Amino acid sequence: MGTTEKTSVLNDLIEINNDRVAGFEKALGDIKDENIDLKAVFEEFAAQSRKYSQELAALVGANAGEVETGNSIAGTLHRAWIDVKSIFGDNGREGILNEAERGEDAIKKAYKDALTDGGLSSDAYSLVAEQSQGINRGHDTIKALRDASK
């Protein structure tokens, strides 16, 4: 796989991490007092994805690639859907966690795809594999919170 394709895979991961940050920040704005315990969890995962985006961007830049700094179309659409749902009142604990888990499912899949189909260099593979472990832990945390809210 050529450098352009590898850069594209890494930029896709940067975008989905940016989406994750924006999604958790959106959820933070919707959290009411009865769900304040979620605030620390969401802030932690937003910070994690900011760090991951920076690490990926450094790797892309080190390989003379153009770094993606935006969000994906799918992520923007997902946040718009969250906005619509919050207008109609589905921003209780379970609703917030359902949407958070949907986002975690998407980023988990993106990392899995990058590791299995991404044709990454050994440096990129190592970084993505390490980040994937953190993403998987985040997914499991959100899923456990969601399951406990039922």
C-alpha atoms as a PDB file:
ATOM      1  CA  MET A   1       0.000   0.000   0.000  1.00  0.00           C
ATOM      2  CA  GLY A   2       1.342   3.424  -0.939  1.00  0.00           C
ATOM      3  CA  THR A   3       2.009   6.397   1.304  1.00  0.00           C
ATOM      4  CA  THR A   4      -1.171   8.152   0.132  1.00  0.00           C
ATOM      5  CA  GLU A   5      -3.353   5.209   1.149  1.00  0.00           C
ATOM      6  CA  LYS A   6      -1.606   4.886   4.525  1.00  0.00           C
ATOM      7  CA  THR A   7      -2.046   8.626   5.096  1.00  0.00           C
ATOM      8  CA  SER A   8      -5.712   8.265   4.191  1.00  0.00           C
ATOM      9  CA  VAL A   9      -6.199   5.508   6.801  1.00  0.00           C
ATOM     10  CA  LEU A  10      -4.488   7.586   9.478  1.00  0.00           C
ATOM     11  CA  ASN A  11      -6.449  10.702   8.487  1.00  0.00           C
ATOM     12  CA  ASP A  12      -9.677   8.691   8.760  1.00  0.00           C
ATOM     13  CA  LEU A  13      -8.682   7.830  12.328  1.00  0.00           C
ATOM     14  CA  ILE A  14      -7.911  11.504  13.018  1.00  0.00           C
ATOM     15  CA  GLU A  15     -11.375  12.458  11.741  1.00  0.00           C
ATOM     16  CA  ILE A  16     -13.191   9.857  13.821  1.00  0.00           C
ATOM     17  CA  ASN A  17     -11.229  10.895  16.914  1.00  0.00           C
ATOM     18  CA  ASN A  18     -12.252  14.495  16.190  1.00  0.00           C
ATOM     19  CA  ASP A  19     -15.844  13.232  15.855  1.00  0.00           C
ATOM     20  CA  ARG A  20     -15.523  11.467  19.201  1.00  0.00           C
ATOM     21  CA  VAL A  21     -14.294  14.662  20.884  1.00  0.00           C
ATOM     22  CA  ALA A  22     -17.169  16.662  19.387  1.00  0.00           C
ATOM     23  CA  GLY A  23     -19.690  13.961  20.315  1.00  0.00           C
ATOM     24  CA  PHE A  24     -18.590  13.804  23.938  1.00  0.00           C
ATOM     25  CA  GLU A  25     -18.520  17.606  24.151  1.00  0.00           C
ATOM     26  CA  LYS A  26     -22.072  17.687  22.758  1.00  0.00           C
ATOM     27  CA  ALA A  27     -23.152  15.073  25.314  1.00  0.00           C
ATOM     28  CA  LEU A  28     -21.498  17.091  28.107  1.00  0.00           C
ATOM     29  CA  GLY A  29     -23.762  19.991  27.195  1.00  0.00           C
ATOM     30  CA  ASP A  30     -26.830  17.763  27.506  1.00  0.00           C
ATOM     31  CA  ILE A  31     -25.960  16.236  30.891  1.00  0.00           C
ATOM     32  CA  LYS A  32     -28.348  17.181  33.673  1.00  0.00           C
ATOM     33  CA  ASP A  33     -27.546  17.148  37.388  1.00  0.00           C
ATOM     34  CA  GLU A  34     -28.834  13.595  37.882  1.00  0.00           C
ATOM     35  CA  ASN A  35     -26.193  12.313  35.416  1.00  0.00           C
ATOM     36  CA  ILE A  36     -23.280  14.449  36.575  1.00  0.00           C
ATOM     37  CA  ASP A  37     -21.190  11.302  37.167  1.00  0.00           C
ATOM     38  CA  LEU A  38     -20.991  10.905  33.378  1.00  0.00           C
ATOM     39  CA  LYS A  39     -19.242  14.259  33.022  1.00  0.00           C
ATOM     40  CA  ALA A  40     -15.843  12.985  34.223  1.00  0.00           C
ATOM     41  CA  VAL A  41     -16.087   9.893  31.991  1.00  0.00           C
ATOM     42  CA  PHE A  42     -16.962  11.934  28.893  1.00  0.00           C
ATOM     43  CA  GLU A  43     -14.254  14.516  29.621  1.00  0.00           C
ATOM     44  CA  GLU A  44     -11.686  11.712  29.987  1.00  0.00           C
ATOM     45  CA  PHE A  45     -12.621  10.148  26.637  1.00  0.00           C
ATOM     46  CA  ALA A  46     -12.675  13.517  24.853  1.00  0.00           C
ATOM     47  CA  ALA A  47      -9.161  14.202  26.183  1.00  0.00           C
ATOM     48  CA  GLN A  48      -8.082  10.712  25.115  1.00  0.00           C
ATOM     49  CA  SER A  49      -9.215  11.331  21.543  1.00  0.00           C
ATOM     50  CA  ARG A  50      -7.572  14.769  21.433  1.00  0.00           C
ATOM     51  CA  LYS A  51      -4.304  13.043  22.394  1.00  0.00           C
ATOM     52  CA  TYR A  52      -4.841  10.281  19.830  1.00  0.00           C
ATOM     53  CA  SER A  53      -5.519  12.828  17.067  1.00  0.00           C
ATOM     54  CA  GLN A  54      -2.313  14.673  17.945  1.00  0.00           C
ATOM     55  CA  GLU A  55      -0.270  11.463  17.907  1.00  0.00           C
ATOM     56  CA  LEU A  56      -1.729  10.405  14.561  1.00  0.00           C
ATOM     57  CA  ALA A  57      -1.226  13.875  13.089  1.00  0.00           C
ATOM     58  CA  ALA A  58       2.429  13.820  14.152  1.00  0.00           C
ATOM     59  CA  LEU A  59       2.870  10.471  12.407  1.00  0.00           C
ATOM     60  CA  VAL A  60       1.188  11.711   9.217  1.00  0.00           C
ATOM     61  CA  GLY A  61       3.266  14.893   9.276  1.00  0.00           C
ATOM     62  CA  ALA A  62       6.493  12.946   9.861  1.00  0.00           C
ATOM     63  CA  ASN A  63       5.773  11.038   6.660  1.00  0.00           C
ATOM     64  CA  ALA A  64       5.214  14.255   4.677  1.00  0.00           C
ATOM     65  CA  GLY A  65       1.485  13.650   4.463  1.00  0.00           C
ATOM     66  CA  GLU A  66      -1.275  16.222   4.635  1.00  0.00           C
ATOM     67  CA  VAL A  67      -2.939  16.102   8.053  1.00  0.00           C
ATOM     68  CA  GLU A  68      -6.744  16.063   8.318  1.00  0.00           C
ATOM     69  CA  THR A  69      -8.009  18.489  10.936  1.00  0.00           C
ATOM     70  CA  GLY A  70     -11.784  18.284  10.499  1.00  0.00           C
ATOM     71  CA  ASN A  71     -14.617  15.957  11.292  1.00  0.00           C
ATOM     72  CA  SER A  72     -16.199  13.313   9.109  1.00  0.00           C
ATOM     73  CA  ILE A  73     -19.535  13.817   7.389  1.00  0.00           C
ATOM     74  CA  ALA A  74     -20.939  10.784   9.212  1.00  0.00           C
ATOM     75  CA  GLY A  75     -19.893  12.213  12.576  1.00  0.00           C
ATOM     76  CA  THR A  76     -21.462  15.575  11.796  1.00  0.00           C
ATOM     77  CA  LEU A  77     -24.687  13.831  10.801  1.00  0.00           C
ATOM     78  CA  HIS A  78     -24.636  11.747  13.991  1.00  0.00           C
ATOM     79  CA  ARG A  79     -24.312  14.888  16.139  1.00  0.00           C
ATOM     80  CA  ALA A  80     -27.192  16.489  14.215  1.00  0.00           C
ATOM     81  CA  TRP A  81     -29.282  13.416  15.037  1.00  0.00           C
ATOM     82  CA  ILE A  82     -28.333  13.771  18.705  1.00  0.00           C
ATOM     83  CA  ASP A  83     -29.488  17.423  18.525  1.00  0.00           C
ATOM     84  CA  VAL A  84     -32.850  16.373  17.077  1.00  0.00           C
ATOM     85  CA  LYS A  85     -33.290  13.665  19.730  1.00  0.00           C
ATOM     86  CA  SER A  86     -32.484  16.104  22.542  1.00  0.00           C
ATOM     87  CA  ILE A  87     -35.167  18.497  21.271  1.00  0.00           C
ATOM     88  CA  PHE A  88     -37.716  15.700  21.617  1.00  0.00           C
ATOM     89  CA  GLY A  89     -36.596  14.790  25.122  1.00  0.00           C
ATOM     90  CA  ASP A  90     -34.531  11.603  24.705  1.00  0.00           C
ATOM     91  CA  ASN A  91     -31.597  12.976  26.662  1.00  0.00           C
ATOM     92  CA  GLY A  92     -32.044  10.880  29.790  1.00  0.00           C
ATOM     93  CA  ARG A  93     -29.200   8.715  31.058  1.00  0.00           C
ATOM     94  CA  GLU A  94     -29.993   5.688  28.916  1.00  0.00           C
ATOM     95  CA  GLY A  95     -30.519   7.818  25.789  1.00  0.00           C
ATOM     96  CA  ILE A  96     -27.233   9.662  26.273  1.00  0.00           C
ATOM     97  CA  LEU A  97     -25.378   6.397  26.857  1.00  0.00           C
ATOM     98  CA  ASN A  98     -27.049   4.703  23.865  1.00  0.00           C
ATOM     99  CA  GLU A  99     -25.791   7.484  21.607  1.00  0.00           C
ATOM    100  CA  ALA A 100     -22.350   7.415  23.226  1.00  0.00           C
ATOM    101  CA  GLU A 101     -22.139   3.661  22.658  1.00  0.00           C
ATOM    102  CA  ARG A 102     -23.099   4.094  18.997  1.00  0.00           C
ATOM    103  CA  GLY A 103     -20.173   6.469  18.632  1.00  0.00           C
ATOM    104  CA  GLU A 104     -17.877   4.067  20.482  1.00  0.00           C
ATOM    105  CA  ASP A 105     -18.983   1.232  18.185  1.00  0.00           C
ATOM    106  CA  ALA A 106     -18.030   3.346  15.167  1.00  0.00           C
ATOM    107  CA  ILE A 107     -14.560   4.300  16.408  1.00  0.00           C
ATOM    108  CA  LYS A 108     -13.868   0.750  17.585  1.00  0.00           C
ATOM    109  CA  LYS A 109     -14.707  -0.529  14.088  1.00  0.00           C
ATOM    110  CA  ALA A 110     -12.537   2.135  12.439  1.00  0.00           C
ATOM    111  CA  TYR A 111      -9.544   1.061  14.509  1.00  0.00           C
ATOM    112  CA  LYS A 112     -10.192  -2.618  13.819  1.00  0.00           C
ATOM    113  CA  ASP A 113     -10.427  -1.916  10.074  1.00  0.00           C
ATOM    114  CA  ALA A 114      -7.221   0.125  10.137  1.00  0.00           C
ATOM    115  CA  LEU A 115      -5.375  -2.700  11.865  1.00  0.00           C
ATOM    116  CA  THR A 116      -6.685  -5.464   9.595  1.00  0.00           C
ATOM    117  CA  ASP A 117      -6.950  -3.702   6.228  1.00  0.00           C
ATOM    118  CA  GLY A 118      -4.896  -0.534   6.601  1.00  0.00           C
ATOM    119  CA  GLY A 119      -1.534  -1.737   5.291  1.00  0.00           C
ATOM    120  CA  LEU A 120       0.148   0.380   7.945  1.00  0.00           C
ATOM    121  CA  SER A 121       3.896   0.699   8.439  1.00  0.00           C
ATOM    122  CA  SER A 122       5.252  -0.933  11.580  1.00  0.00           C
ATOM    123  CA  ASP A 123       5.408   2.438  13.404  1.00  0.00           C
ATOM    124  CA  ALA A 124       1.851   3.318  12.416  1.00  0.00           C
ATOM    125  CA  TYR A 125       0.600  -0.170  13.251  1.00  0.00           C
ATOM    126  CA  SER A 126       2.158  -0.019  16.730  1.00  0.00           C
ATOM    127  CA  LEU A 127       0.586   3.363  17.467  1.00  0.00           C
ATOM    128  CA  VAL A 128      -2.835   2.368  16.116  1.00  0.00           C
ATOM    129  CA  ALA A 129      -2.771  -0.937  18.044  1.00  0.00           C
ATOM    130  CA  GLU A 130      -1.913   0.879  21.274  1.00  0.00           C
ATOM    131  CA  GLN A 131      -4.658   3.450  20.716  1.00  0.00           C
ATOM    132  CA  SER A 132      -7.105   0.679  19.818  1.00  0.00           C
ATOM    133  CA  GLN A 133      -6.660  -0.822  23.273  1.00  0.00           C
ATOM    134  CA  GLY A 134      -7.682   2.497  24.838  1.00  0.00           C
ATOM    135  CA  ILE A 135     -10.637   2.794  22.464  1.00  0.00           C
ATOM    136  CA  ASN A 136     -11.783  -0.729  23.382  1.00  0.00           C
ATOM    137  CA  ARG A 137     -11.570   0.073  27.098  1.00  0.00           C
ATOM    138  CA  GLY A 138     -13.604   3.233  26.501  1.00  0.00           C
ATOM    139  CA  HIS A 139     -16.232   1.281  24.583  1.00  0.00           C
ATOM    140  CA  ASP A 140     -16.469  -1.286  27.383  1.00  0.00           C
ATOM    141  CA  THR A 141     -16.858   1.469  30.006  1.00  0.00           C
ATOM    142  CA  ILE A 142     -19.674   3.177  28.076  1.00  0.00           C
ATOM    143  CA  LYS A 143     -21.390  -0.172  27.412  1.00  0.00           C
ATOM    144  CA  ALA A 144     -21.242  -1.115  31.099  1.00  0.00           C
ATOM    145  CA  LEU A 145     -22.679   2.261  32.117  1.00  0.00           C
ATOM    146  CA  ARG A 146     -25.425   1.909  29.507  1.00  0.00           C
ATOM    147  CA  ASP A 147     -26.279  -1.633  30.637  1.00  0.00           C
ATOM    148  CA  ALA A 148     -26.426  -0.482  34.263  1.00  0.00           C
ATOM    149  CA  SER A 149     -28.826   2.338  33.326  1.00  0.00           C
ATOM    150  CA  LYS A 150     -31.498  -0.045  32.004  1.00  0.00           C
END
